[in-house]
């Protein structure tokens, strides 16, 4: 079932349906843990979609927003630990593919072995029952609250607010580029992307915009994965191979980050351009 509003239906009913569906998918992922990495990936995606819906209706939901956001934020935080551990394996492989003459197979093998052990450990430590319990609590009240708050006017206001938040986060990241600000920008872009995906079924412009936002979100996501990898390697340098391999990977990660941020800044400037007239 697509994550989008269907034409000819009320916004409130559609957002309620979508919220219930994503909660159900997240709960199912937590229950079926034969493939831990895939379960974490699926549940985390569902939670991010749900938080984007919440932020879309933040103002009319008021106290309901705060209550449900606390639950979903806690679930997202718990899921991010094993997700980041698994993502580092893909990031090392990406560096190998991008810089094959520098990031050798021997370097990748040495680092990947330890990173794979870390990923399995984090996945085993995940408290799936706690996350499932919290999500089941949300099922009882979240879809109903969203149905009441999801008027056409409130959705329009939420879409404008989502754009503005992403625009402001981009400006902060460009003015003082550091890892934390770029990560915040990525989160705001992801929210806006999901909100455009919601509208894609009833608005052709939103559908086209969602395609471009996906590119931007991917670049910013890759940037964040490089930040996590660098921090992990520096924290326990002796654990992940020899000194030469560490220096090579860190240097390539820095270079790739520079490229990604340059691309993201250029595309973001187009997607979040604000005319002088709209500022007054």
Foldseek 3Di string as FASTA:
>chain_A
DFLAAAPPDFQLLRLLVLLLVLLVQLLVLLVDCPPLQVSLVSNLVSLLLNLLLLLLLVVLLPVVSVVLCVLSVVLNVLSVQLNLLVVLLVLLVVLCVVCVVQQDPVLSVLQNVVSVVSSVVSSVPRPSVVNSVSSVVCSVPVSVSSSVRRGPVSSVVSLVVLLVQLLVLLVVCVVPPDLVSLVSNLSSLSSNLSSLSHHVNPDVVSVVLSVLSVVLSVLSVSLNSLVSNLVVCVVCVVRRDDPSSNVSSNVSSVVSNVVSVVVNSVSVCVSNPDDPVNVD
